[in-house]
Amino acid sequence: MGLRLGEGLRLQIGDIDAARGRVHIRDAKGNRDRFVPLPAATLQVLRRFWQVHRNPVLLFPNRLGGLKNARLATTPIDRGGVQTTLRKVAAECGFKLKFPPICSHRKAPKPPSLLRSIGVN
């Protein structure tokens, strides 16, 4: 979808427009709202994820009170925890990227450029 980490973590259930296949990104870079396409496969994953926590507002609620209490959370998942987990998963997958770096403060690289960076033609 091409979101920055902060944009993704702030997503709310009402930002997902399944009928039009898009996501409303609020207060994006430059304090502007924008819409990004929502692939059907991503929508299915988000629906399954929501069924796990069932928070009525947040798409990615924090789990400080455990998974059972995620439905009551009023703040999103911690940014630092997401970055740490992303780095661990990348290392476990054997990615040793220097450019583009595995970090979540940038938009994700497009798949072809990511594949080229790890030596796949």
PDB file of N, CA and C in Angstrom:
ATOM      1  N   MET A   1       0.810  -1.191   0.000  1.00  0.00           N
ATOM      2  CA  MET A   1       0.000   0.000   0.000  1.00  0.00           C
ATOM      3  C   MET A   1       0.856   1.258   0.000  1.00  0.00           C
ATOM      4  N   GLY A   2       2.096   1.197   0.408  1.00  0.00           N
ATOM      5  CA  GLY A   2       2.956   2.368   0.369  1.00  0.00           C
ATOM      6  C   GLY A   2       2.705   3.357   1.493  1.00  0.00           C
ATOM      7  N   LEU A   3       2.640   2.871   2.729  1.00  0.00           N
ATOM      8  CA  LEU A   3       2.409   3.746   3.879  1.00  0.00           C
ATOM      9  C   LEU A   3       3.683   3.911   4.689  1.00  0.00           C
ATOM     10  N   ARG A   4       3.808   5.042   5.328  1.00  0.00           N
ATOM     11  CA  ARG A   4       4.852   5.217   6.329  1.00  0.00           C
ATOM     12  C   ARG A   4       4.377   4.523   7.606  1.00  0.00           C
ATOM     13  N   LEU A   5       5.307   4.165   8.467  1.00  0.00           N
ATOM     14  CA  LEU A   5       4.952   3.425   9.676  1.00  0.00           C
ATOM     15  C   LEU A   5       3.925   4.172  10.515  1.00  0.00           C
ATOM     16  N   GLY A   6       4.171   5.441  10.772  1.00  0.00           N
ATOM     17  CA  GLY A   6       3.248   6.226  11.591  1.00  0.00           C
ATOM     18  C   GLY A   6       1.858   6.302  10.984  1.00  0.00           C
ATOM     19  N   GLU A   7       1.796   6.408   9.655  1.00  0.00           N
ATOM     20  CA  GLU A   7       0.498   6.446   8.980  1.00  0.00           C
ATOM     21  C   GLU A   7      -0.254   5.132   9.187  1.00  0.00           C
ATOM     22  N   GLY A   8       0.460   4.049   9.060  1.00  0.00           N
ATOM     23  CA  GLY A   8      -0.168   2.743   9.234  1.00  0.00           C
ATOM     24  C   GLY A   8      -0.633   2.505  10.658  1.00  0.00           C
ATOM     25  N   LEU A   9       0.185   2.888  11.622  1.00  0.00           N
ATOM     26  CA  LEU A   9      -0.179   2.661  13.022  1.00  0.00           C
ATOM     27  C   LEU A   9      -1.374   3.497  13.452  1.00  0.00           C
ATOM     28  N   ARG A  10      -1.556   4.665  12.829  1.00  0.00           N
ATOM     29  CA  ARG A  10      -2.687   5.536  13.180  1.00  0.00           C
ATOM     30  C   ARG A  10      -3.990   5.149  12.484  1.00  0.00           C
ATOM     31  N   LEU A  11      -3.963   4.162  11.608  1.00  0.00           N
ATOM     32  CA  LEU A  11      -5.178   3.791  10.880  1.00  0.00           C
ATOM     33  C   LEU A  11      -6.289   3.386  11.835  1.00  0.00           C
ATOM     34  N   GLN A  12      -7.472   3.823  11.484  1.00  0.00           N
ATOM     35  CA  GLN A  12      -8.648   3.454  12.253  1.00  0.00           C
ATOM     36  C   GLN A  12      -9.573   2.639  11.352  1.00  0.00           C
ATOM     37  N   ILE A  13     -10.465   1.907  11.970  1.00  0.00           N
ATOM     38  CA  ILE A  13     -11.378   1.041  11.224  1.00  0.00           C
ATOM     39  C   ILE A  13     -12.130   1.843  10.164  1.00  0.00           C
ATOM     40  N   GLY A  14     -12.561   3.045  10.513  1.00  0.00           N
ATOM     41  CA  GLY A  14     -13.309   3.883   9.582  1.00  0.00           C
ATOM     42  C   GLY A  14     -12.504   4.396   8.400  1.00  0.00           C
ATOM     43  N   ASP A  15     -11.182   4.248   8.438  1.00  0.00           N
ATOM     44  CA  ASP A  15     -10.340   4.690   7.327  1.00  0.00           C
ATOM     45  C   ASP A  15     -10.328   3.693   6.173  1.00  0.00           C
ATOM     46  N   ILE A  16     -10.803   2.493   6.424  1.00  0.00           N
ATOM     47  CA  ILE A  16     -10.816   1.441   5.405  1.00  0.00           C
ATOM     48  C   ILE A  16     -12.115   1.537   4.610  1.00  0.00           C
ATOM     49  N   ASP A  17     -11.990   1.765   3.330  1.00  0.00           N
ATOM     50  CA  ASP A  17     -13.156   1.828   2.446  1.00  0.00           C
ATOM     51  C   ASP A  17     -13.116   0.598   1.547  1.00  0.00           C
ATOM     52  N   ALA A  18     -13.700  -0.490   2.041  1.00  0.00           N
ATOM     53  CA  ALA A  18     -13.657  -1.757   1.312  1.00  0.00           C
ATOM     54  C   ALA A  18     -14.439  -1.673   0.004  1.00  0.00           C
ATOM     55  N   ALA A  19     -15.537  -0.941   0.003  1.00  0.00           N
ATOM     56  CA  ALA A  19     -16.378  -0.850  -1.194  1.00  0.00           C
ATOM     57  C   ALA A  19     -15.635  -0.194  -2.352  1.00  0.00           C
ATOM     58  N   ARG A  20     -14.829   0.820  -2.053  1.00  0.00           N
ATOM     59  CA  ARG A  20     -14.070   1.521  -3.098  1.00  0.00           C
ATOM     60  C   ARG A  20     -12.645   0.998  -3.247  1.00  0.00           C
ATOM     61  N   GLY A  21     -12.245   0.114  -2.339  1.00  0.00           N
ATOM     62  CA  GLY A  21     -10.898  -0.454  -2.414  1.00  0.00           C
ATOM     63  C   GLY A  21      -9.808   0.573  -2.158  1.00  0.00           C
ATOM     64  N   ARG A  22      -9.987   1.359  -1.096  1.00  0.00           N
ATOM     65  CA  ARG A  22      -8.982   2.370  -0.775  1.00  0.00           C
ATOM     66  C   ARG A  22      -8.928   2.615   0.722  1.00  0.00           C
ATOM     67  N   VAL A  23      -7.839   3.256   1.141  1.00  0.00           N
ATOM     68  CA  VAL A  23      -7.615   3.588   2.545  1.00  0.00           C
ATOM     69  C   VAL A  23      -7.416   5.097   2.648  1.00  0.00           C
ATOM     70  N   HIS A  24      -8.084   5.705   3.609  1.00  0.00           N
ATOM     71  CA  HIS A  24      -7.943   7.139   3.853  1.00  0.00           C
ATOM     72  C   HIS A  24      -6.798   7.341   4.842  1.00  0.00           C
ATOM     73  N   ILE A  25      -5.742   7.997   4.390  1.00  0.00           N
ATOM     74  CA  ILE A  25      -4.594   8.300   5.245  1.00  0.00           C
ATOM     75  C   ILE A  25      -4.773   9.729   5.733  1.00  0.00           C
ATOM     76  N   ARG A  26      -4.921   9.877   7.035  1.00  0.00           N
ATOM     77  CA  ARG A  26      -5.149  11.202   7.608  1.00  0.00           C
ATOM     78  C   ARG A  26      -3.841  11.824   8.096  1.00  0.00           C
ATOM     79  N   ASP A  27      -3.718  13.109   7.895  1.00  0.00           N
ATOM     80  CA  ASP A  27      -2.526  13.849   8.330  1.00  0.00           C
ATOM     81  C   ASP A  27      -1.245  13.192   7.842  1.00  0.00           C
ATOM     82  N   ALA A  28      -1.193  12.924   6.558  1.00  0.00           N
ATOM     83  CA  ALA A  28       0.008  12.335   5.958  1.00  0.00           C
ATOM     84  C   ALA A  28       1.096  13.409   5.892  1.00  0.00           C
ATOM     85  N   LYS A  29       2.168  13.109   5.192  1.00  0.00           N
ATOM     86  CA  LYS A  29       3.269  14.051   5.075  1.00  0.00           C
ATOM     87  C   LYS A  29       2.743  15.392   4.554  1.00  0.00           C
ATOM     88  N   GLY A  30       3.160  16.459   5.189  1.00  0.00           N
ATOM     89  CA  GLY A  30       2.667  17.783   4.821  1.00  0.00           C
ATOM     90  C   GLY A  30       1.298  18.078   5.404  1.00  0.00           C
ATOM     91  N   ASN A  31       0.883  17.267   6.391  1.00  0.00           N
ATOM     92  CA  ASN A  31      -0.422  17.421   7.047  1.00  0.00           C
ATOM     93  C   ASN A  31      -1.584  17.379   6.061  1.00  0.00           C
ATOM     94  N   ARG A  32      -1.435  16.572   5.036  1.00  0.00           N
ATOM     95  CA  ARG A  32      -2.496  16.426   4.043  1.00  0.00           C
ATOM     96  C   ARG A  32      -3.076  15.028   4.114  1.00  0.00           C
ATOM     97  N   ASP A  33      -4.348  14.956   3.853  1.00  0.00           N
ATOM     98  CA  ASP A  33      -4.996  13.653   3.748  1.00  0.00           C
ATOM     99  C   ASP A  33      -4.776  13.124   2.333  1.00  0.00           C
ATOM    100  N   ARG A  34      -4.764  11.813   2.203  1.00  0.00           N
ATOM    101  CA  ARG A  34      -4.648  11.196   0.885  1.00  0.00           C
ATOM    102  C   ARG A  34      -5.335   9.846   0.921  1.00  0.00           C
ATOM    103  N   PHE A  35      -5.585   9.309  -0.253  1.00  0.00           N
ATOM    104  CA  PHE A  35      -6.167   7.984  -0.386  1.00  0.00           C
ATOM    105  C   PHE A  35      -5.163   7.104  -1.112  1.00  0.00           C
ATOM    106  N   VAL A  36      -5.030   5.856  -0.644  1.00  0.00           N
ATOM    107  CA  VAL A  36      -4.162   4.892  -1.328  1.00  0.00           C
ATOM    108  C   VAL A  36      -4.994   3.659  -1.668  1.00  0.00           C
ATOM    109  N   PRO A  37      -4.642   3.001  -2.762  1.00  0.00           N
ATOM    110  CA  PRO A  37      -5.384   1.792  -3.145  1.00  0.00           C
ATOM    111  C   PRO A  37      -5.243   0.704  -2.085  1.00  0.00           C
ATOM    112  N   LEU A  38      -6.284  -0.087  -1.943  1.00  0.00           N
ATOM    113  CA  LEU A  38      -6.297  -1.203  -0.998  1.00  0.00           C
ATOM    114  C   LEU A  38      -6.508  -2.492  -1.784  1.00  0.00           C
ATOM    115  N   PRO A  39      -5.435  -3.255  -2.003  1.00  0.00           N
ATOM    116  CA  PRO A  39      -5.581  -4.528  -2.721  1.00  0.00           C
ATOM    117  C   PRO A  39      -6.508  -5.486  -1.964  1.00  0.00           C
ATOM    118  N   ALA A  40      -7.232  -6.288  -2.705  1.00  0.00           N
ATOM    119  CA  ALA A  40      -8.189  -7.232  -2.101  1.00  0.00           C
ATOM    120  C   ALA A  40      -7.495  -8.183  -1.129  1.00  0.00           C
ATOM    121  N   ALA A  41      -6.294  -8.644  -1.478  1.00  0.00           N
ATOM    122  CA  ALA A  41      -5.565  -9.565  -0.591  1.00  0.00           C
ATOM    123  C   ALA A  41      -5.219  -8.884   0.733  1.00  0.00           C
ATOM    124  N   THR A  42      -4.844  -7.612   0.675  1.00  0.00           N
ATOM    125  CA  THR A  42      -4.526  -6.871   1.895  1.00  0.00           C
ATOM    126  C   THR A  42      -5.776  -6.683   2.745  1.00  0.00           C
ATOM    127  N   LEU A  43      -6.894  -6.403   2.102  1.00  0.00           N
ATOM    128  CA  LEU A  43      -8.152  -6.263   2.831  1.00  0.00           C
ATOM    129  C   LEU A  43      -8.485  -7.547   3.585  1.00  0.00           C
ATOM    130  N   GLN A  44      -8.279  -8.685   2.962  1.00  0.00           N
ATOM    131  CA  GLN A  44      -8.560  -9.964   3.622  1.00  0.00           C
ATOM    132  C   GLN A  44      -7.667 -10.164   4.843  1.00  0.00           C
ATOM    133  N   VAL A  45      -6.387  -9.823   4.718  1.00  0.00           N
ATOM    134  CA  VAL A  45      -5.455  -9.954   5.847  1.00  0.00           C
ATOM    135  C   VAL A  45      -5.878  -9.025   6.981  1.00  0.00           C
ATOM    136  N   LEU A  46      -6.240  -7.787   6.642  1.00  0.00           N
ATOM    137  CA  LEU A  46      -6.668  -6.834   7.671  1.00  0.00           C
ATOM    138  C   LEU A  46      -7.937  -7.305   8.366  1.00  0.00           C
ATOM    139  N   ARG A  47      -8.849  -7.900   7.621  1.00  0.00           N
ATOM    140  CA  ARG A  47     -10.082  -8.424   8.237  1.00  0.00           C
ATOM    141  C   ARG A  47      -9.778  -9.563   9.208  1.00  0.00           C
ATOM    142  N   ARG A  48      -8.876 -10.452   8.801  1.00  0.00           N
ATOM    143  CA  ARG A  48      -8.509 -11.561   9.703  1.00  0.00           C
ATOM    144  C   ARG A  48      -7.812 -11.030  10.951  1.00  0.00           C
ATOM    145  N   PHE A  49      -6.946 -10.030  10.765  1.00  0.00           N
ATOM    146  CA  PHE A  49      -6.239  -9.447  11.906  1.00  0.00           C
ATOM    147  C   PHE A  49      -7.234  -8.791  12.859  1.00  0.00           C
ATOM    148  N   TRP A  50      -8.208  -8.072  12.317  1.00  0.00           N
ATOM    149  CA  TRP A  50      -9.202  -7.416  13.162  1.00  0.00           C
ATOM    150  C   TRP A  50     -10.002  -8.439  13.963  1.00  0.00           C
ATOM    151  N   GLN A  51     -10.284  -9.588  13.376  1.00  0.00           N
ATOM    152  CA  GLN A  51     -11.048 -10.623  14.091  1.00  0.00           C
ATOM    153  C   GLN A  51     -10.305 -11.123  15.323  1.00  0.00           C
ATOM    154  N   VAL A  52      -8.985 -10.956  15.336  1.00  0.00           N
ATOM    155  CA  VAL A  52      -8.194 -11.378  16.497  1.00  0.00           C
ATOM    156  C   VAL A  52      -8.383 -10.412  17.666  1.00  0.00           C
ATOM    157  N   HIS A  53      -8.385  -9.096  17.395  1.00  0.00           N
ATOM    158  CA  HIS A  53      -8.458  -8.130  18.497  1.00  0.00           C
ATOM    159  C   HIS A  53      -9.813  -7.441  18.647  1.00  0.00           C
ATOM    160  N   ARG A  54     -10.541  -7.237  17.582  1.00  0.00           N
ATOM    161  CA  ARG A  54     -11.885  -6.638  17.573  1.00  0.00           C
ATOM    162  C   ARG A  54     -11.991  -5.279  18.270  1.00  0.00           C
ATOM    163  N   ASN A  55     -10.940  -4.464  18.123  1.00  0.00           N
ATOM    164  CA  ASN A  55     -11.004  -3.106  18.654  1.00  0.00           C
ATOM    165  C   ASN A  55     -11.950  -2.305  17.764  1.00  0.00           C
ATOM    166  N   PRO A  56     -12.930  -1.594  18.345  1.00  0.00           N
ATOM    167  CA  PRO A  56     -13.910  -0.900  17.518  1.00  0.00           C
ATOM    168  C   PRO A  56     -13.388   0.348  16.803  1.00  0.00           C
ATOM    169  N   VAL A  57     -12.201   0.834  17.191  1.00  0.00           N
ATOM    170  CA  VAL A  57     -11.679   2.067  16.608  1.00  0.00           C
ATOM    171  C   VAL A  57     -10.358   1.847  15.881  1.00  0.00           C
ATOM    172  N   LEU A  58      -9.374   1.295  16.579  1.00  0.00           N
ATOM    173  CA  LEU A  58      -8.015   1.172  16.045  1.00  0.00           C
ATOM    174  C   LEU A  58      -7.829  -0.091  15.222  1.00  0.00           C
ATOM    175  N   LEU A  59      -7.117   0.060  14.102  1.00  0.00           N
ATOM    176  CA  LEU A  59      -6.802  -1.105  13.291  1.00  0.00           C
ATOM    177  C   LEU A  59      -5.640  -1.895  13.901  1.00  0.00           C
ATOM    178  N   PHE A  60      -4.688  -1.179  14.529  1.00  0.00           N
ATOM    179  CA  PHE A  60      -3.532  -1.815  15.160  1.00  0.00           C
ATOM    180  C   PHE A  60      -3.409  -1.360  16.618  1.00  0.00           C
ATOM    181  N   PRO A  61      -4.281  -1.872  17.496  1.00  0.00           N
ATOM    182  CA  PRO A  61      -4.253  -1.437  18.904  1.00  0.00           C
ATOM    183  C   PRO A  61      -3.065  -2.016  19.663  1.00  0.00           C
ATOM    184  N   ASN A  62      -2.626  -1.274  20.703  1.00  0.00           N
ATOM    185  CA  ASN A  62      -1.531  -1.809  21.521  1.00  0.00           C
ATOM    186  C   ASN A  62      -2.039  -2.993  22.328  1.00  0.00           C
ATOM    187  N   ARG A  63      -1.096  -3.767  22.806  1.00  0.00           N
ATOM    188  CA  ARG A  63      -1.455  -4.987  23.548  1.00  0.00           C
ATOM    189  C   ARG A  63      -0.813  -5.002  24.924  1.00  0.00           C
ATOM    190  N   LEU A  64      -0.714  -3.832  25.512  1.00  0.00           N
ATOM    191  CA  LEU A  64      -0.100  -3.761  26.841  1.00  0.00           C
ATOM    192  C   LEU A  64      -0.886  -4.561  27.861  1.00  0.00           C
ATOM    193  N   GLY A  65      -2.183  -4.658  27.679  1.00  0.00           N
ATOM    194  CA  GLY A  65      -3.016  -5.434  28.587  1.00  0.00           C
ATOM    195  C   GLY A  65      -3.228  -6.854  28.098  1.00  0.00           C
ATOM    196  N   GLY A  66      -2.419  -7.280  27.138  1.00  0.00           N
ATOM    197  CA  GLY A  66      -2.569  -8.609  26.569  1.00  0.00           C
ATOM    198  C   GLY A  66      -3.527  -8.589  25.384  1.00  0.00           C
ATOM    199  N   LEU A  67      -3.522  -9.665  24.643  1.00  0.00           N
ATOM    200  CA  LEU A  67      -4.350  -9.738  23.446  1.00  0.00           C
ATOM    201  C   LEU A  67      -5.833  -9.631  23.780  1.00  0.00           C
ATOM    202  N   LYS A  68      -6.237 -10.198  24.907  1.00  0.00           N
ATOM    203  CA  LYS A  68      -7.655 -10.140  25.285  1.00  0.00           C
ATOM    204  C   LYS A  68      -8.129  -8.704  25.502  1.00  0.00           C
ATOM    205  N   ASN A  69      -7.254  -7.851  25.986  1.00  0.00           N
ATOM    206  CA  ASN A  69      -7.630  -6.464  26.252  1.00  0.00           C
ATOM    207  C   ASN A  69      -7.319  -5.521  25.098  1.00  0.00           C
ATOM    208  N   ALA A  70      -6.816  -6.026  23.994  1.00  0.00           N
ATOM    209  CA  ALA A  70      -6.511  -5.174  22.845  1.00  0.00           C
ATOM    210  C   ALA A  70      -7.775  -4.502  22.318  1.00  0.00           C
ATOM    211  N   ARG A  71      -8.900  -5.140  22.495  1.00  0.00           N
ATOM    212  CA  ARG A  71     -10.156  -4.539  22.021  1.00  0.00           C
ATOM    213  C   ARG A  71     -10.506  -3.280  22.796  1.00  0.00           C
ATOM    214  N   LEU A  72      -9.905  -3.104  23.986  1.00  0.00           N
ATOM    215  CA  LEU A  72     -10.179  -1.931  24.815  1.00  0.00           C
ATOM    216  C   LEU A  72      -9.117  -0.846  24.681  1.00  0.00           C
ATOM    217  N   ALA A  73      -8.060  -1.106  23.927  1.00  0.00           N
ATOM    218  CA  ALA A  73      -6.937  -0.165  23.812  1.00  0.00           C
ATOM    219  C   ALA A  73      -7.378   1.154  23.190  1.00  0.00           C
ATOM    220  N   THR A  74      -6.743   2.218  23.628  1.00  0.00           N
ATOM    221  CA  THR A  74      -7.030   3.542  23.080  1.00  0.00           C
ATOM    222  C   THR A  74      -5.840   4.126  22.333  1.00  0.00           C
ATOM    223  N   THR A  75      -4.717   3.402  22.312  1.00  0.00           N
ATOM    224  CA  THR A  75      -3.523   3.848  21.594  1.00  0.00           C
ATOM    225  C   THR A  75      -3.053   2.730  20.667  1.00  0.00           C
ATOM    226  N   PRO A  76      -2.359   3.100  19.576  1.00  0.00           N
ATOM    227  CA  PRO A  76      -1.875   2.075  18.647  1.00  0.00           C
ATOM    228  C   PRO A  76      -0.638   1.347  19.162  1.00  0.00           C
ATOM    229  N   ILE A  77      -0.275   0.302  18.439  1.00  0.00           N
ATOM    230  CA  ILE A  77       0.943  -0.463  18.738  1.00  0.00           C
ATOM    231  C   ILE A  77       2.134   0.486  18.788  1.00  0.00           C
ATOM    232  N   ASP A  78       3.106   0.200  19.653  1.00  0.00           N
ATOM    233  CA  ASP A  78       4.306   1.010  19.807  1.00  0.00           C
ATOM    234  C   ASP A  78       5.184   0.946  18.564  1.00  0.00           C
ATOM    235  N   ARG A  79       5.589   2.108  18.081  1.00  0.00           N
ATOM    236  CA  ARG A  79       6.426   2.222  16.887  1.00  0.00           C
ATOM    237  C   ARG A  79       7.768   1.493  17.054  1.00  0.00           C
ATOM    238  N   GLY A  80       8.407   1.658  18.202  1.00  0.00           N
ATOM    239  CA  GLY A  80       9.710   1.026  18.437  1.00  0.00           C
ATOM    240  C   GLY A  80       9.621  -0.489  18.417  1.00  0.00           C
ATOM    241  N   GLY A  81       8.545  -1.032  18.956  1.00  0.00           N
ATOM    242  CA  GLY A  81       8.363  -2.482  18.937  1.00  0.00           C
ATOM    243  C   GLY A  81       8.202  -3.019  17.529  1.00  0.00           C
ATOM    244  N   VAL A  82       7.510  -2.279  16.691  1.00  0.00           N
ATOM    245  CA  VAL A  82       7.334  -2.689  15.300  1.00  0.00           C
ATOM    246  C   VAL A  82       8.676  -2.672  14.579  1.00  0.00           C
ATOM    247  N   GLN A  83       9.472  -1.624  14.784  1.00  0.00           N
ATOM    248  CA  GLN A  83      10.780  -1.527  14.134  1.00  0.00           C
ATOM    249  C   GLN A  83      11.707  -2.660  14.582  1.00  0.00           C
ATOM    250  N   THR A  84      11.716  -2.953  15.868  1.00  0.00           N
ATOM    251  CA  THR A  84      12.555  -4.036  16.387  1.00  0.00           C
ATOM    252  C   THR A  84      12.137  -5.372  15.790  1.00  0.00           C
ATOM    253  N   THR A  85      10.843  -5.624  15.746  1.00  0.00           N
ATOM    254  CA  THR A  85      10.341  -6.878  15.187  1.00  0.00           C
ATOM    255  C   THR A  85      10.678  -6.982  13.710  1.00  0.00           C
ATOM    256  N   LEU A  86      10.541  -5.891  12.975  1.00  0.00           N
ATOM    257  CA  LEU A  86      10.859  -5.892  11.547  1.00  0.00           C
ATOM    258  C   LEU A  86      12.329  -6.235  11.316  1.00  0.00           C
ATOM    259  N   ARG A  87      13.201  -5.666  12.107  1.00  0.00           N
ATOM    260  CA  ARG A  87      14.635  -5.969  11.966  1.00  0.00           C
ATOM    261  C   ARG A  87      14.927  -7.440  12.272  1.00  0.00           C
ATOM    262  N   LYS A  88      14.280  -7.993  13.315  1.00  0.00           N
ATOM    263  CA  LYS A  88      14.486  -9.401  13.669  1.00  0.00           C
ATOM    264  C   LYS A  88      14.007 -10.323  12.559  1.00  0.00           C
ATOM    265  N   VAL A  89      12.835 -10.033  12.020  1.00  0.00           N
ATOM    266  CA  VAL A  89      12.295 -10.866  10.943  1.00  0.00           C
ATOM    267  C   VAL A  89      13.195 -10.797   9.716  1.00  0.00           C
ATOM    268  N   ALA A  90      13.664  -9.606   9.380  1.00  0.00           N
ATOM    269  CA  ALA A  90      14.557  -9.458   8.224  1.00  0.00           C
ATOM    270  C   ALA A  90      15.844 -10.251   8.425  1.00  0.00           C
ATOM    271  N   ALA A  91      16.398 -10.192   9.642  1.00  0.00           N
ATOM    272  CA  ALA A  91      17.631 -10.943   9.928  1.00  0.00           C
ATOM    273  C   ALA A  91      17.383 -12.443   9.854  1.00  0.00           C
ATOM    274  N   GLU A  92      16.253 -12.901  10.387  1.00  0.00           N
ATOM    275  CA  GLU A  92      15.929 -14.329  10.341  1.00  0.00           C
ATOM    276  C   GLU A  92      15.704 -14.821   8.916  1.00  0.00           C
ATOM    277  N   CYS A  93      15.259 -13.927   8.064  1.00  0.00           N
ATOM    278  CA  CYS A  93      15.054 -14.283   6.652  1.00  0.00           C
ATOM    279  C   CYS A  93      16.356 -14.233   5.872  1.00  0.00           C
ATOM    280  N   GLY A  94      17.416 -13.769   6.498  1.00  0.00           N
ATOM    281  CA  GLY A  94      18.713 -13.720   5.844  1.00  0.00           C
ATOM    282  C   GLY A  94      18.966 -12.452   5.053  1.00  0.00           C
ATOM    283  N   PHE A  95      18.125 -11.442   5.214  1.00  0.00           N
ATOM    284  CA  PHE A  95      18.347 -10.178   4.511  1.00  0.00           C
ATOM    285  C   PHE A  95      19.496  -9.440   5.158  1.00  0.00           C
ATOM    286  N   LYS A  96      20.459  -9.071   4.347  1.00  0.00           N
ATOM    287  CA  LYS A  96      21.576  -8.271   4.834  1.00  0.00           C
ATOM    288  C   LYS A  96      21.641  -7.033   3.955  1.00  0.00           C
ATOM    289  N   LEU A  97      20.610  -6.249   4.055  1.00  0.00           N
ATOM    290  CA  LEU A  97      20.481  -5.085   3.187  1.00  0.00           C
ATOM    291  C   LEU A  97      21.211  -3.887   3.758  1.00  0.00           C
ATOM    292  N   LYS A  98      21.892  -3.194   2.884  1.00  0.00           N
ATOM    293  CA  LYS A  98      22.475  -1.922   3.270  1.00  0.00           C
ATOM    294  C   LYS A  98      21.703  -0.803   2.602  1.00  0.00           C
ATOM    295  N   PHE A  99      21.240  -1.041   1.389  1.00  0.00           N
ATOM    296  CA  PHE A  99      20.392  -0.068   0.709  1.00  0.00           C
ATOM    297  C   PHE A  99      19.425  -0.812  -0.163  1.00  0.00           C
ATOM    298  N   PRO A 100      18.142  -0.620  -0.072  1.00  0.00           N
ATOM    299  CA  PRO A 100      17.498   0.234   0.910  1.00  0.00           C
ATOM    300  C   PRO A 100      17.522  -0.428   2.269  1.00  0.00           C
ATOM    301  N   PRO A 101      17.649   0.354   3.327  1.00  0.00           N
ATOM    302  CA  PRO A 101      17.700  -0.241   4.664  1.00  0.00           C
ATOM    303  C   PRO A 101      16.361  -0.826   5.073  1.00  0.00           C
ATOM    304  N   ILE A 102      16.430  -1.824   5.935  1.00  0.00           N
ATOM    305  CA  ILE A 102      15.196  -2.358   6.512  1.00  0.00           C
ATOM    306  C   ILE A 102      14.853  -1.452   7.686  1.00  0.00           C
ATOM    307  N   CYS A 103      14.014  -0.501   7.407  1.00  0.00           N
ATOM    308  CA  CYS A 103      13.541   0.383   8.450  1.00  0.00           C
ATOM    309  C   CYS A 103      12.115   0.753   8.100  1.00  0.00           C
ATOM    310  N   SER A 104      11.396   1.153   9.066  1.00  0.00           N
ATOM    311  CA  SER A 104       9.979   1.373   8.845  1.00  0.00           C
ATOM    312  C   SER A 104       9.609   2.844   8.789  1.00  0.00           C
ATOM    313  N   HIS A 105      10.578   3.742   8.803  1.00  0.00           N
ATOM    314  CA  HIS A 105      10.222   5.148   8.746  1.00  0.00           C
ATOM    315  C   HIS A 105      10.113   5.644   7.310  1.00  0.00           C
ATOM    316  N   ARG A 106      10.459   4.791   6.356  1.00  0.00           N
ATOM    317  CA  ARG A 106      10.343   5.140   4.943  1.00  0.00           C
ATOM    318  C   ARG A 106       9.229   4.328   4.336  1.00  0.00           C
ATOM    319  N   LYS A 107       8.811   4.769   3.168  1.00  0.00           N
ATOM    320  CA  LYS A 107       7.875   3.938   2.428  1.00  0.00           C
ATOM    321  C   LYS A 107       8.613   2.668   2.046  1.00  0.00           C
ATOM    322  N   ALA A 108       7.905   1.582   1.992  1.00  0.00           N
ATOM    323  CA  ALA A 108       8.519   0.308   1.624  1.00  0.00           C
ATOM    324  C   ALA A 108       8.986   0.380   0.177  1.00  0.00           C
ATOM    325  N   PRO A 109      10.169  -0.190  -0.125  1.00  0.00           N
ATOM    326  CA  PRO A 109      10.609  -0.199  -1.518  1.00  0.00           C
ATOM    327  C   PRO A 109       9.684  -1.074  -2.344  1.00  0.00           C
ATOM    328  N   LYS A 110       9.586  -0.759  -3.607  1.00  0.00           N
ATOM    329  CA  LYS A 110       8.779  -1.578  -4.499  1.00  0.00           C
ATOM    330  C   LYS A 110       9.433  -2.955  -4.600  1.00  0.00           C
ATOM    331  N   PRO A 111       8.655  -4.018  -4.716  1.00  0.00           N
ATOM    332  CA  PRO A 111       9.212  -5.370  -4.740  1.00  0.00           C
ATOM    333  C   PRO A 111      10.370  -5.580  -5.722  1.00  0.00           C
ATOM    334  N   PRO A 112      10.326  -5.082  -6.973  1.00  0.00           N
ATOM    335  CA  PRO A 112      11.462  -5.323  -7.860  1.00  0.00           C
ATOM    336  C   PRO A 112      12.763  -4.729  -7.339  1.00  0.00           C
ATOM    337  N   SER A 113      12.717  -3.504  -6.759  1.00  0.00           N
ATOM    338  CA  SER A 113      13.949  -2.907  -6.256  1.00  0.00           C
ATOM    339  C   SER A 113      14.447  -3.655  -5.026  1.00  0.00           C
ATOM    340  N   LEU A 114      13.532  -4.149  -4.205  1.00  0.00           N
ATOM    341  CA  LEU A 114      13.925  -4.941  -3.044  1.00  0.00           C
ATOM    342  C   LEU A 114      14.589  -6.234  -3.505  1.00  0.00           C
ATOM    343  N   LEU A 115      13.993  -6.889  -4.485  1.00  0.00           N
ATOM    344  CA  LEU A 115      14.569  -8.138  -4.990  1.00  0.00           C
ATOM    345  C   LEU A 115      15.944  -7.895  -5.599  1.00  0.00           C
ATOM    346  N   ARG A 116      16.110  -6.815  -6.347  1.00  0.00           N
ATOM    347  CA  ARG A 116      17.423  -6.513  -6.941  1.00  0.00           C
ATOM    348  C   ARG A 116      18.454  -6.276  -5.843  1.00  0.00           C
ATOM    349  N   SER A 117      18.031  -5.618  -4.746  1.00  0.00           N
ATOM    350  CA  SER A 117      18.981  -5.295  -3.682  1.00  0.00           C
ATOM    351  C   SER A 117      19.489  -6.542  -2.957  1.00  0.00           C
ATOM    352  N   ILE A 118      18.750  -7.648  -3.035  1.00  0.00           N
ATOM    353  CA  ILE A 118      19.223  -8.876  -2.392  1.00  0.00           C
ATOM    354  C   ILE A 118      19.784  -9.871  -3.394  1.00  0.00           C
ATOM    355  N   GLY A 119      19.967  -9.387  -4.657  1.00  0.00           N
ATOM    356  CA  GLY A 119      20.674 -10.189  -5.646  1.00  0.00           C
ATOM    357  C   GLY A 119      19.805 -11.054  -6.524  1.00  0.00           C
ATOM    358  N   VAL A 120      18.489 -10.843  -6.545  1.00  0.00           N
ATOM    359  CA  VAL A 120      17.596 -11.623  -7.417  1.00  0.00           C
ATOM    360  C   VAL A 120      17.391 -10.830  -8.693  1.00  0.00           C
ATOM    361  N   ASN A 121      17.564 -11.488  -9.829  1.00  0.00           N
ATOM    362  CA  ASN A 121      17.356 -10.797 -11.108  1.00  0.00           C
ATOM    363  C   ASN A 121      15.968 -11.013 -11.632  1.00  0.00           C
TER     364      ASN A 121
END
